[in-house]
């Protein structure tokens, strides 16, 4: 019985190691909506909040690990932010906030045929930003560059949070097209006490080409040699 159990476990491990998701490099150039969450003030500002549409460009690398699992590091440049309409209770005038950001998510992806679900942490770095206000009968308008620091009245350079969502892949002979739906949940108050978080849904369309060589292939080959030798030893214990 013990020998049979060892054989079953060995076969299971062998199957995992001999089948793996394919490896792809995805290129992203997208025009995507983002929005800001204002913490305790978010409910009060709900009727005044508008999203911000901006450029997203970068790359995503899917490294296949097993038949149903892959690891997906990504790097994007994203223009993100939000807009508040005139007479809002926070600024009193129409206000546009824009961040120019580098996002680095690392996603764990579970594949279910052509569907997948993924989730993982994301670290962001705000390169620059701009604040624009429109004049009204009470307040003057203007434009200003964001100041970054840790004091109230400045903005945080660093942001961190979680991304999670799902997608569908359309497979072709040497490439694929991905439709990716994702929620970005920012956990850092980038307003340094002003209650401001990057939280938004976005949709990406990614065109990708199959990577010629899986970066885990060399390691897998060594594992195969080991498991083949181990199976042979189990089958011929006296050899």
C-alpha atoms as a PDB file:
ATOM      1  CA  UNK A   1       0.000   0.000   0.000  1.00  0.00           C
ATOM      2  CA  UNK A   2       2.804   2.383   0.908  1.00  0.00           C
ATOM      3  CA  UNK A   3       4.590   1.637  -2.376  1.00  0.00           C
ATOM      4  CA  UNK A   4       1.374   2.253  -4.348  1.00  0.00           C
ATOM      5  CA  UNK A   5       0.913   5.626  -2.606  1.00  0.00           C
ATOM      6  CA  UNK A   6       4.469   6.642  -3.502  1.00  0.00           C
ATOM      7  CA  UNK A   7       3.869   5.671  -7.127  1.00  0.00           C
ATOM      8  CA  UNK A   8       0.631   7.748  -7.282  1.00  0.00           C
ATOM      9  CA  UNK A   9       2.313  10.827  -5.773  1.00  0.00           C
ATOM     10  CA  UNK A  10       5.262  10.410  -8.138  1.00  0.00           C
ATOM     11  CA  UNK A  11       2.956  10.168 -11.164  1.00  0.00           C
ATOM     12  CA  UNK A  12       1.099  13.288 -10.016  1.00  0.00           C
ATOM     13  CA  UNK A  13       4.320  15.258  -9.664  1.00  0.00           C
ATOM     14  CA  UNK A  14       5.532  13.958 -13.022  1.00  0.00           C
ATOM     15  CA  UNK A  15       2.348  15.142 -14.740  1.00  0.00           C
ATOM     16  CA  UNK A  16       2.642  18.603 -13.160  1.00  0.00           C
ATOM     17  CA  UNK A  17       6.232  18.897 -14.279  1.00  0.00           C
ATOM     18  CA  UNK A  18       5.692  17.666 -17.823  1.00  0.00           C
ATOM     19  CA  UNK A  19       2.785  20.009 -18.704  1.00  0.00           C
ATOM     20  CA  UNK A  20       3.009  23.772 -18.472  1.00  0.00           C
ATOM     21  CA  UNK A  21       1.202  26.825 -19.706  1.00  0.00           C
ATOM     22  CA  UNK A  22       2.809  28.408 -22.732  1.00  0.00           C
ATOM     23  CA  UNK A  23       4.922  31.518 -22.251  1.00  0.00           C
ATOM     24  CA  UNK A  24       3.847  34.783 -23.875  1.00  0.00           C
ATOM     25  CA  UNK A  25       5.060  38.362 -24.084  1.00  0.00           C
ATOM     26  CA  UNK A  26       2.099  40.779 -24.205  1.00  0.00           C
ATOM     27  CA  UNK A  27       2.369  44.350 -25.482  1.00  0.00           C
ATOM     28  CA  UNK A  28      -0.135  46.892 -24.164  1.00  0.00           C
ATOM     29  CA  UNK A  29      -1.027  50.260 -25.662  1.00  0.00           C
ATOM     30  CA  UNK A  30      -4.367  51.300 -24.269  1.00  0.00           C
ATOM     31  CA  UNK A  31      -6.588  54.262 -23.450  1.00  0.00           C
ATOM     32  CA  UNK A  32      -8.056  53.367 -20.087  1.00  0.00           C
ATOM     33  CA  UNK A  33     -10.329  54.896 -17.407  1.00  0.00           C
ATOM     34  CA  UNK A  34      -9.093  55.422 -13.846  1.00  0.00           C
ATOM     35  CA  UNK A  35     -10.636  57.092 -10.811  1.00  0.00           C
ATOM     36  CA  UNK A  36      -9.833  58.243  -7.286  1.00  0.00           C
ATOM     37  CA  UNK A  37     -11.436  57.199  -4.027  1.00  0.00           C
ATOM     38  CA  UNK A  38     -11.672  59.857  -1.302  1.00  0.00           C
ATOM     39  CA  UNK A  39     -11.981  57.635   1.758  1.00  0.00           C
ATOM     40  CA  UNK A  40     -14.475  58.956   4.316  1.00  0.00           C
ATOM     41  CA  UNK A  41     -15.482  61.736   1.896  1.00  0.00           C
ATOM     42  CA  UNK A  42     -16.170  59.388  -1.009  1.00  0.00           C
ATOM     43  CA  UNK A  43     -19.907  58.997  -0.349  1.00  0.00           C
ATOM     44  CA  UNK A  44     -20.385  62.766  -0.085  1.00  0.00           C
ATOM     45  CA  UNK A  45     -18.478  63.279  -3.365  1.00  0.00           C
ATOM     46  CA  UNK A  46     -20.198  60.452  -5.253  1.00  0.00           C
ATOM     47  CA  UNK A  47     -22.381  62.732  -7.412  1.00  0.00           C
ATOM     48  CA  UNK A  48     -19.406  64.992  -8.277  1.00  0.00           C
ATOM     49  CA  UNK A  49     -16.808  62.337  -9.140  1.00  0.00           C
ATOM     50  CA  UNK A  50     -15.791  61.610 -12.722  1.00  0.00           C
ATOM     51  CA  UNK A  51     -13.182  59.245 -14.092  1.00  0.00           C
ATOM     52  CA  UNK A  52     -10.012  60.173 -15.924  1.00  0.00           C
ATOM     53  CA  UNK A  53      -9.095  58.610 -19.267  1.00  0.00           C
ATOM     54  CA  UNK A  54      -5.401  58.269 -19.950  1.00  0.00           C
ATOM     55  CA  UNK A  55      -2.693  56.370 -21.810  1.00  0.00           C
ATOM     56  CA  UNK A  56      -1.501  52.979 -20.608  1.00  0.00           C
ATOM     57  CA  UNK A  57       1.544  51.446 -22.301  1.00  0.00           C
ATOM     58  CA  UNK A  58       3.847  48.624 -21.316  1.00  0.00           C
ATOM     59  CA  UNK A  59       4.410  44.886 -21.344  1.00  0.00           C
ATOM     60  CA  UNK A  60       3.226  41.735 -19.597  1.00  0.00           C
ATOM     61  CA  UNK A  61       5.206  38.479 -19.437  1.00  0.00           C
ATOM     62  CA  UNK A  62       3.330  35.245 -18.755  1.00  0.00           C
ATOM     63  CA  UNK A  63       5.719  32.529 -17.568  1.00  0.00           C
ATOM     64  CA  UNK A  64       4.047  29.115 -17.609  1.00  0.00           C
ATOM     65  CA  UNK A  65       4.680  27.006 -14.505  1.00  0.00           C
ATOM     66  CA  UNK A  66       2.115  24.199 -14.728  1.00  0.00           C
ATOM     67  CA  UNK A  67      -0.841  23.256 -16.906  1.00  0.00           C
ATOM     68  CA  UNK A  68      -3.187  25.476 -14.925  1.00  0.00           C
ATOM     69  CA  UNK A  69      -0.890  28.060 -13.374  1.00  0.00           C
ATOM     70  CA  UNK A  70       1.416  30.840 -14.526  1.00  0.00           C
ATOM     71  CA  UNK A  71       3.239  33.811 -13.015  1.00  0.00           C
ATOM     72  CA  UNK A  72       2.729  37.176 -14.731  1.00  0.00           C
ATOM     73  CA  UNK A  73       5.046  40.133 -13.948  1.00  0.00           C
ATOM     74  CA  UNK A  74       4.041  43.359 -15.703  1.00  0.00           C
ATOM     75  CA  UNK A  75       5.368  46.900 -16.152  1.00  0.00           C
ATOM     76  CA  UNK A  76       3.194  49.791 -17.323  1.00  0.00           C
ATOM     77  CA  UNK A  77       3.308  53.529 -17.722  1.00  0.00           C
ATOM     78  CA  UNK A  78      -0.153  54.821 -16.796  1.00  0.00           C
ATOM     79  CA  UNK A  79      -1.746  58.271 -16.808  1.00  0.00           C
ATOM     80  CA  UNK A  80      -4.223  58.008 -13.957  1.00  0.00           C
ATOM     81  CA  UNK A  81      -6.298  60.367 -11.826  1.00  0.00           C
ATOM     82  CA  UNK A  82      -9.777  61.762 -11.399  1.00  0.00           C
ATOM     83  CA  UNK A  83     -12.029  64.763 -11.820  1.00  0.00           C
ATOM     84  CA  UNK A  84     -14.431  66.588  -9.493  1.00  0.00           C
ATOM     85  CA  UNK A  85     -17.227  68.698 -10.927  1.00  0.00           C
ATOM     86  CA  UNK A  86     -17.922  72.322 -10.039  1.00  0.00           C
ATOM     87  CA  UNK A  87     -19.359  73.157  -6.570  1.00  0.00           C
ATOM     88  CA  UNK A  88     -18.173  69.877  -5.084  1.00  0.00           C
ATOM     89  CA  UNK A  89     -17.882  69.954  -1.260  1.00  0.00           C
ATOM     90  CA  UNK A  90     -14.138  69.223  -1.245  1.00  0.00           C
ATOM     91  CA  UNK A  91     -12.590  71.859  -3.540  1.00  0.00           C
ATOM     92  CA  UNK A  92     -15.613  73.988  -4.456  1.00  0.00           C
ATOM     93  CA  UNK A  93     -14.670  74.104  -8.145  1.00  0.00           C
ATOM     94  CA  UNK A  94     -14.037  71.805 -11.087  1.00  0.00           C
ATOM     95  CA  UNK A  95     -10.778  70.013 -10.339  1.00  0.00           C
ATOM     96  CA  UNK A  96      -8.680  67.639 -12.442  1.00  0.00           C
ATOM     97  CA  UNK A  97      -5.921  65.531 -10.893  1.00  0.00           C
ATOM     98  CA  UNK A  98      -3.452  63.566 -13.037  1.00  0.00           C
ATOM     99  CA  UNK A  99      -0.574  61.287 -12.073  1.00  0.00           C
ATOM    100  CA  UNK A 100       2.055  59.932 -14.466  1.00  0.00           C
ATOM    101  CA  UNK A 101       2.820  56.575 -12.910  1.00  0.00           C
ATOM    102  CA  UNK A 102       4.867  53.406 -13.323  1.00  0.00           C
ATOM    103  CA  UNK A 103       2.928  50.313 -12.200  1.00  0.00           C
ATOM    104  CA  UNK A 104       4.613  46.992 -11.413  1.00  0.00           C
ATOM    105  CA  UNK A 105       2.034  44.234 -10.752  1.00  0.00           C
ATOM    106  CA  UNK A 106       2.996  40.587 -10.204  1.00  0.00           C
ATOM    107  CA  UNK A 107      -0.009  38.362 -10.851  1.00  0.00           C
ATOM    108  CA  UNK A 108      -0.660  34.714 -10.026  1.00  0.00           C
ATOM    109  CA  UNK A 109      -2.842  33.387 -12.865  1.00  0.00           C
ATOM    110  CA  UNK A 110      -5.100  30.315 -12.782  1.00  0.00           C
ATOM    111  CA  UNK A 111      -6.124  29.019 -16.232  1.00  0.00           C
ATOM    112  CA  UNK A 112      -9.486  27.377 -16.890  1.00  0.00           C
ATOM    113  CA  UNK A 113      -9.442  26.531 -20.625  1.00  0.00           C
ATOM    114  CA  UNK A 114      -9.593  29.920 -22.377  1.00  0.00           C
ATOM    115  CA  UNK A 115     -10.734  31.713 -19.228  1.00  0.00           C
ATOM    116  CA  UNK A 116      -8.401  32.771 -16.426  1.00  0.00           C
ATOM    117  CA  UNK A 117      -8.541  34.481 -13.051  1.00  0.00           C
ATOM    118  CA  UNK A 118      -5.584  36.323 -11.560  1.00  0.00           C
ATOM    119  CA  UNK A 119      -4.605  38.368  -8.519  1.00  0.00           C
ATOM    120  CA  UNK A 120      -1.496  39.837  -6.987  1.00  0.00           C
ATOM    121  CA  UNK A 121       0.269  42.830  -5.436  1.00  0.00           C
ATOM    122  CA  UNK A 122       1.160  46.016  -7.303  1.00  0.00           C
ATOM    123  CA  UNK A 123       3.767  48.662  -6.499  1.00  0.00           C
ATOM    124  CA  UNK A 124       3.512  52.079  -8.155  1.00  0.00           C
ATOM    125  CA  UNK A 125       5.846  55.062  -8.481  1.00  0.00           C
ATOM    126  CA  UNK A 126       4.443  58.499  -9.301  1.00  0.00           C
ATOM    127  CA  UNK A 127       6.884  60.156 -11.701  1.00  0.00           C
ATOM    128  CA  UNK A 128       5.039  63.470 -11.918  1.00  0.00           C
ATOM    129  CA  UNK A 129       1.589  64.965 -11.698  1.00  0.00           C
ATOM    130  CA  UNK A 130      -0.585  67.962 -12.418  1.00  0.00           C
ATOM    131  CA  UNK A 131      -3.456  69.710 -10.657  1.00  0.00           C
ATOM    132  CA  UNK A 132      -5.840  71.849 -12.708  1.00  0.00           C
ATOM    133  CA  UNK A 133      -8.784  73.899 -11.418  1.00  0.00           C
ATOM    134  CA  UNK A 134     -11.410  75.811 -13.383  1.00  0.00           C
ATOM    135  CA  UNK A 135     -12.486  79.262 -12.206  1.00  0.00           C
ATOM    136  CA  UNK A 136     -16.061  79.924 -11.077  1.00  0.00           C
ATOM    137  CA  UNK A 137     -17.922  82.855  -9.507  1.00  0.00           C
ATOM    138  CA  UNK A 138     -16.131  82.328  -6.190  1.00  0.00           C
ATOM    139  CA  UNK A 139     -12.707  80.821  -6.932  1.00  0.00           C
ATOM    140  CA  UNK A 140      -9.973  81.460  -9.516  1.00  0.00           C
ATOM    141  CA  UNK A 141      -8.660  78.659 -11.675  1.00  0.00           C
ATOM    142  CA  UNK A 142      -5.121  77.599 -12.395  1.00  0.00           C
ATOM    143  CA  UNK A 143      -2.621  74.860 -13.129  1.00  0.00           C
ATOM    144  CA  UNK A 144       0.176  73.593 -10.930  1.00  0.00           C
ATOM    145  CA  UNK A 145       2.678  70.754 -10.829  1.00  0.00           C
ATOM    146  CA  UNK A 146       2.354  68.324  -7.979  1.00  0.00           C
ATOM    147  CA  UNK A 147       4.766  68.510  -5.107  1.00  0.00           C
ATOM    148  CA  UNK A 148       5.817  65.150  -3.716  1.00  0.00           C
ATOM    149  CA  UNK A 149       6.812  64.507  -0.123  1.00  0.00           C
ATOM    150  CA  UNK A 150       5.325  63.244   3.131  1.00  0.00           C
ATOM    151  CA  UNK A 151       3.681  66.419   4.489  1.00  0.00           C
ATOM    152  CA  UNK A 152       0.023  67.416   4.207  1.00  0.00           C
ATOM    153  CA  UNK A 153      -0.457  69.364   0.994  1.00  0.00           C
ATOM    154  CA  UNK A 154       2.004  67.176  -0.935  1.00  0.00           C
ATOM    155  CA  UNK A 155       1.519  63.809  -2.641  1.00  0.00           C
ATOM    156  CA  UNK A 156       3.191  60.452  -2.082  1.00  0.00           C
ATOM    157  CA  UNK A 157       5.663  59.192  -4.674  1.00  0.00           C
ATOM    158  CA  UNK A 158       4.964  55.568  -3.767  1.00  0.00           C
ATOM    159  CA  UNK A 159       1.717  53.667  -3.923  1.00  0.00           C
ATOM    160  CA  UNK A 160       0.892  50.007  -3.312  1.00  0.00           C
ATOM    161  CA  UNK A 161      -2.155  47.815  -3.458  1.00  0.00           C
ATOM    162  CA  UNK A 162      -3.776  44.770  -5.022  1.00  0.00           C
ATOM    163  CA  UNK A 163      -5.027  43.941  -8.488  1.00  0.00           C
ATOM    164  CA  UNK A 164      -7.475  41.141  -9.222  1.00  0.00           C
ATOM    165  CA  UNK A 165      -9.775  40.148 -12.043  1.00  0.00           C
ATOM    166  CA  UNK A 166     -10.358  37.750 -14.903  1.00  0.00           C
ATOM    167  CA  UNK A 167      -9.854  37.483 -18.631  1.00  0.00           C
ATOM    168  CA  UNK A 168     -10.423  35.522 -21.808  1.00  0.00           C
ATOM    169  CA  UNK A 169      -7.846  34.540 -24.420  1.00  0.00           C
ATOM    170  CA  UNK A 170      -8.441  34.094 -28.141  1.00  0.00           C
ATOM    171  CA  UNK A 171      -5.738  31.715 -29.367  1.00  0.00           C
ATOM    172  CA  UNK A 172      -4.179  31.782 -32.820  1.00  0.00           C
ATOM    173  CA  UNK A 173      -1.386  29.680 -34.310  1.00  0.00           C
ATOM    174  CA  UNK A 174       1.561  31.796 -33.134  1.00  0.00           C
ATOM    175  CA  UNK A 175      -0.102  34.523 -31.094  1.00  0.00           C
ATOM    176  CA  UNK A 176      -3.144  35.337 -28.993  1.00  0.00           C
ATOM    177  CA  UNK A 177      -5.469  38.202 -28.089  1.00  0.00           C
ATOM    178  CA  UNK A 178      -6.369  38.794 -24.438  1.00  0.00           C
ATOM    179  CA  UNK A 179      -9.384  40.599 -23.024  1.00  0.00           C
ATOM    180  CA  UNK A 180      -8.428  41.429 -19.426  1.00  0.00           C
ATOM    181  CA  UNK A 181     -10.835  42.893 -16.822  1.00  0.00           C
ATOM    182  CA  UNK A 182      -9.226  44.055 -13.610  1.00  0.00           C
ATOM    183  CA  UNK A 183      -9.816  46.032 -10.419  1.00  0.00           C
ATOM    184  CA  UNK A 184      -7.007  48.110  -8.908  1.00  0.00           C
ATOM    185  CA  UNK A 185      -7.349  48.579  -5.146  1.00  0.00           C
ATOM    186  CA  UNK A 186      -4.888  51.192  -3.895  1.00  0.00           C
ATOM    187  CA  UNK A 187      -4.030  50.908  -0.202  1.00  0.00           C
ATOM    188  CA  UNK A 188      -1.820  53.991   0.256  1.00  0.00           C
ATOM    189  CA  UNK A 189      -3.217  57.461   0.948  1.00  0.00           C
ATOM    190  CA  UNK A 190      -1.391  59.252  -1.857  1.00  0.00           C
ATOM    191  CA  UNK A 191      -2.772  62.563  -0.536  1.00  0.00           C
ATOM    192  CA  UNK A 192      -0.693  62.248   2.673  1.00  0.00           C
ATOM    193  CA  UNK A 193      -3.640  62.566   5.042  1.00  0.00           C
ATOM    194  CA  UNK A 194      -6.117  63.995   2.517  1.00  0.00           C
ATOM    195  CA  UNK A 195      -7.821  60.593   1.994  1.00  0.00           C
ATOM    196  CA  UNK A 196      -7.020  59.906  -1.660  1.00  0.00           C
ATOM    197  CA  UNK A 197      -6.622  56.410  -3.091  1.00  0.00           C
ATOM    198  CA  UNK A 198      -6.236  54.970  -6.586  1.00  0.00           C
ATOM    199  CA  UNK A 199      -9.170  52.560  -6.943  1.00  0.00           C
ATOM    200  CA  UNK A 200     -10.699  51.714 -10.297  1.00  0.00           C
ATOM    201  CA  UNK A 201     -11.847  49.117 -12.824  1.00  0.00           C
ATOM    202  CA  UNK A 202     -10.103  48.915 -16.163  1.00  0.00           C
ATOM    203  CA  UNK A 203     -10.206  46.790 -19.278  1.00  0.00           C
ATOM    204  CA  UNK A 204      -7.144  45.895 -21.347  1.00  0.00           C
ATOM    205  CA  UNK A 205      -6.828  44.378 -24.798  1.00  0.00           C
ATOM    206  CA  UNK A 206      -3.431  42.699 -25.132  1.00  0.00           C
ATOM    207  CA  UNK A 207      -1.862  41.324 -28.290  1.00  0.00           C
ATOM    208  CA  UNK A 208       0.860  38.810 -27.568  1.00  0.00           C
ATOM    209  CA  UNK A 209       3.366  36.571 -29.292  1.00  0.00           C
ATOM    210  CA  UNK A 210       4.430  33.172 -28.057  1.00  0.00           C
ATOM    211  CA  UNK A 211       7.824  33.280 -26.320  1.00  0.00           C
ATOM    212  CA  UNK A 212      10.345  30.994 -28.023  1.00  0.00           C
ATOM    213  CA  UNK A 213      11.662  29.517 -24.827  1.00  0.00           C
ATOM    214  CA  UNK A 214      10.026  29.070 -21.449  1.00  0.00           C
ATOM    215  CA  UNK A 215      12.437  30.467 -18.799  1.00  0.00           C
ATOM    216  CA  UNK A 216      11.566  27.474 -16.604  1.00  0.00           C
ATOM    217  CA  UNK A 217      12.315  24.934 -19.350  1.00  0.00           C
ATOM    218  CA  UNK A 218      15.910  24.194 -18.293  1.00  0.00           C
ATOM    219  CA  UNK A 219      14.877  23.519 -14.734  1.00  0.00           C
ATOM    220  CA  UNK A 220      12.020  21.346 -15.931  1.00  0.00           C
ATOM    221  CA  UNK A 221      14.384  19.227 -18.033  1.00  0.00           C
ATOM    222  CA  UNK A 222      16.557  18.491 -15.023  1.00  0.00           C
ATOM    223  CA  UNK A 223      13.449  17.560 -13.049  1.00  0.00           C
ATOM    224  CA  UNK A 224      12.322  15.188 -15.795  1.00  0.00           C
ATOM    225  CA  UNK A 225      15.633  13.353 -15.707  1.00  0.00           C
ATOM    226  CA  UNK A 226      15.292  12.979 -11.935  1.00  0.00           C
ATOM    227  CA  UNK A 227      11.707  11.687 -12.052  1.00  0.00           C
ATOM    228  CA  UNK A 228      12.426   9.292 -14.917  1.00  0.00           C
ATOM    229  CA  UNK A 229      15.343   7.814 -12.959  1.00  0.00           C
ATOM    230  CA  UNK A 230      13.170   7.621  -9.839  1.00  0.00           C
ATOM    231  CA  UNK A 231      10.376   5.809 -11.712  1.00  0.00           C
ATOM    232  CA  UNK A 232      12.872   3.341 -13.122  1.00  0.00           C
ATOM    233  CA  UNK A 233      14.205   2.656  -9.619  1.00  0.00           C
ATOM    234  CA  UNK A 234      10.678   2.011  -8.318  1.00  0.00           C
ATOM    235  CA  UNK A 235       9.929  -0.346 -11.210  1.00  0.00           C
ATOM    236  CA  UNK A 236      13.243  -2.225 -10.788  1.00  0.00           C
ATOM    237  CA  UNK A 237      14.213  -2.000  -7.096  1.00  0.00           C
ATOM    238  CA  UNK A 238      16.810  -4.783  -7.403  1.00  0.00           C
ATOM    239  CA  UNK A 239      18.546  -3.370 -10.479  1.00  0.00           C
END
